[in-house]
Amino acid sequence: MSKETEDKVNKVWSLSIGTYPGILLGMRTYYEDQQTTHVFYLPFIDLALEVYK
């Protein structure tokens, strides 16, 4: 993809997966200026959905 095409594409959301040391089950939302992040915690794994404003 060329640079011009990349500049025109606006990212609306992203999904990422990560790990953390511990056992937790739940959900939390982080409100920031540029995005809102919803994190789902499962034992040893977290899924983060970032929604850009």
N, C-alpha and C. Protein backbone atom coordinates (compact mmCIF):
# COMPACT_ATOMS: atom_id res chain seq x y z
N MET A 1 0.84 -1.16 0.00
CA MET A 1 0.00 0.00 0.00
C MET A 1 0.90 1.24 0.00
N SER A 2 0.57 2.22 -0.79
CA SER A 2 1.39 3.43 -0.86
C SER A 2 1.12 4.34 0.33
N LYS A 3 2.00 5.29 0.53
CA LYS A 3 1.86 6.21 1.65
C LYS A 3 0.59 7.03 1.53
N GLU A 4 0.23 7.45 0.30
CA GLU A 4 -1.00 8.22 0.11
C GLU A 4 -2.22 7.42 0.55
N THR A 5 -2.26 6.16 0.22
CA THR A 5 -3.38 5.30 0.60
C THR A 5 -3.42 5.10 2.11
N GLU A 6 -2.25 4.93 2.72
CA GLU A 6 -2.20 4.74 4.17
C GLU A 6 -2.71 5.97 4.91
N ASP A 7 -2.41 7.16 4.41
CA ASP A 7 -2.86 8.39 5.05
C ASP A 7 -4.37 8.55 4.98
N LYS A 8 -5.00 8.03 3.93
CA LYS A 8 -6.44 8.18 3.75
C LYS A 8 -7.24 7.18 4.57
N VAL A 9 -6.61 6.10 5.00
CA VAL A 9 -7.31 5.07 5.77
C VAL A 9 -7.34 5.50 7.23
N ASN A 10 -8.55 5.67 7.77
CA ASN A 10 -8.70 6.03 9.18
C ASN A 10 -9.04 4.79 9.96
N LYS A 11 -8.25 4.50 10.96
CA LYS A 11 -8.48 3.34 11.80
C LYS A 11 -9.55 3.70 12.83
N VAL A 12 -10.57 2.88 12.93
CA VAL A 12 -11.67 3.14 13.85
C VAL A 12 -11.52 2.34 15.12
N TRP A 13 -10.98 1.13 15.03
CA TRP A 13 -10.84 0.27 16.20
C TRP A 13 -9.69 -0.70 15.98
N SER A 14 -9.23 -1.29 17.06
CA SER A 14 -8.22 -2.35 16.97
C SER A 14 -8.45 -3.33 18.13
N LEU A 15 -8.03 -4.55 17.92
CA LEU A 15 -8.16 -5.60 18.91
C LEU A 15 -6.79 -6.19 19.17
N SER A 16 -6.42 -6.31 20.44
CA SER A 16 -5.12 -6.89 20.76
C SER A 16 -5.27 -7.89 21.90
N ILE A 17 -4.31 -8.79 21.98
CA ILE A 17 -4.31 -9.82 23.01
C ILE A 17 -2.98 -9.74 23.75
N GLY A 18 -3.03 -9.98 25.04
CA GLY A 18 -1.81 -9.93 25.83
C GLY A 18 -1.89 -10.88 26.99
N THR A 19 -0.83 -10.92 27.76
CA THR A 19 -0.78 -11.77 28.95
C THR A 19 -0.45 -10.91 30.16
N TYR A 20 -0.79 -11.40 31.33
CA TYR A 20 -0.45 -10.73 32.58
C TYR A 20 -0.23 -11.79 33.64
N PRO A 21 0.54 -11.47 34.67
CA PRO A 21 0.84 -12.46 35.71
C PRO A 21 -0.26 -12.49 36.77
N GLY A 22 -1.14 -13.44 36.69
CA GLY A 22 -2.20 -13.54 37.69
C GLY A 22 -3.45 -14.19 37.14
N ILE A 23 -4.41 -14.35 38.03
CA ILE A 23 -5.70 -14.94 37.65
C ILE A 23 -6.77 -13.91 37.96
N LEU A 24 -7.48 -13.49 36.93
CA LEU A 24 -8.50 -12.47 37.08
C LEU A 24 -9.59 -12.74 36.05
N LEU A 25 -10.81 -12.46 36.41
CA LEU A 25 -11.94 -12.61 35.51
C LEU A 25 -12.77 -11.34 35.63
N GLY A 26 -12.88 -10.60 34.53
CA GLY A 26 -13.65 -9.37 34.59
C GLY A 26 -13.43 -8.47 33.38
N MET A 27 -13.89 -7.23 33.52
CA MET A 27 -13.83 -6.27 32.43
C MET A 27 -13.57 -4.88 33.01
N ARG A 28 -12.86 -4.05 32.26
CA ARG A 28 -12.61 -2.68 32.69
C ARG A 28 -12.52 -1.80 31.45
N THR A 29 -12.95 -0.54 31.61
CA THR A 29 -12.90 0.43 30.53
C THR A 29 -11.98 1.57 30.94
N TYR A 30 -11.08 1.94 30.02
CA TYR A 30 -10.18 3.07 30.22
C TYR A 30 -10.58 4.17 29.25
N TYR A 31 -10.91 5.35 29.77
CA TYR A 31 -11.28 6.50 28.94
C TYR A 31 -10.07 7.41 28.79
N GLU A 32 -9.69 7.69 27.55
CA GLU A 32 -8.56 8.56 27.25
C GLU A 32 -9.01 9.59 26.22
N ASP A 33 -8.17 10.60 25.97
CA ASP A 33 -8.53 11.67 25.04
C ASP A 33 -8.74 11.17 23.61
N GLN A 34 -7.87 10.30 23.14
CA GLN A 34 -7.91 9.85 21.75
C GLN A 34 -8.64 8.54 21.54
N GLN A 35 -8.91 7.79 22.61
CA GLN A 35 -9.51 6.47 22.45
C GLN A 35 -10.18 6.02 23.73
N THR A 36 -11.03 5.02 23.60
CA THR A 36 -11.61 4.33 24.74
C THR A 36 -11.21 2.87 24.60
N THR A 37 -10.67 2.31 25.68
CA THR A 37 -10.19 0.93 25.65
C THR A 37 -11.01 0.08 26.59
N HIS A 38 -11.61 -0.99 26.05
CA HIS A 38 -12.35 -1.96 26.84
C HIS A 38 -11.46 -3.20 26.95
N VAL A 39 -11.14 -3.59 28.18
CA VAL A 39 -10.25 -4.73 28.39
C VAL A 39 -11.03 -5.84 29.09
N PHE A 40 -10.97 -7.03 28.52
CA PHE A 40 -11.61 -8.22 29.07
C PHE A 40 -10.51 -9.11 29.64
N TYR A 41 -10.59 -9.37 30.93
CA TYR A 41 -9.57 -10.17 31.60
C TYR A 41 -10.06 -11.60 31.80
N LEU A 42 -9.26 -12.53 31.32
CA LEU A 42 -9.46 -13.96 31.53
C LEU A 42 -8.22 -14.45 32.26
N PRO A 43 -8.23 -15.61 32.88
CA PRO A 43 -7.02 -16.07 33.57
C PRO A 43 -5.80 -16.07 32.65
N PHE A 44 -4.81 -15.24 32.99
CA PHE A 44 -3.52 -15.11 32.31
C PHE A 44 -3.58 -14.40 30.95
N ILE A 45 -4.76 -14.06 30.45
CA ILE A 45 -4.90 -13.46 29.11
C ILE A 45 -5.81 -12.25 29.21
N ASP A 46 -5.46 -11.17 28.47
CA ASP A 46 -6.37 -10.04 28.37
C ASP A 46 -6.60 -9.71 26.90
N LEU A 47 -7.83 -9.34 26.59
CA LEU A 47 -8.23 -8.91 25.26
C LEU A 47 -8.59 -7.44 25.35
N ALA A 48 -7.97 -6.61 24.51
CA ALA A 48 -8.22 -5.17 24.57
C ALA A 48 -8.83 -4.71 23.25
N LEU A 49 -9.99 -4.08 23.34
CA LEU A 49 -10.66 -3.48 22.19
C LEU A 49 -10.51 -1.97 22.32
N GLU A 50 -9.76 -1.37 21.40
CA GLU A 50 -9.53 0.07 21.41
C GLU A 50 -10.40 0.71 20.35
N VAL A 51 -11.24 1.65 20.76
CA VAL A 51 -12.13 2.38 19.85
C VAL A 51 -11.61 3.81 19.80
N TYR A 52 -11.20 4.26 18.62
CA TYR A 52 -10.61 5.59 18.43
C TYR A 52 -11.71 6.62 18.18
N LYS A 53 -11.51 7.80 18.75
CA LYS A 53 -12.49 8.89 18.60
C LYS A 53 -12.22 9.69 17.37
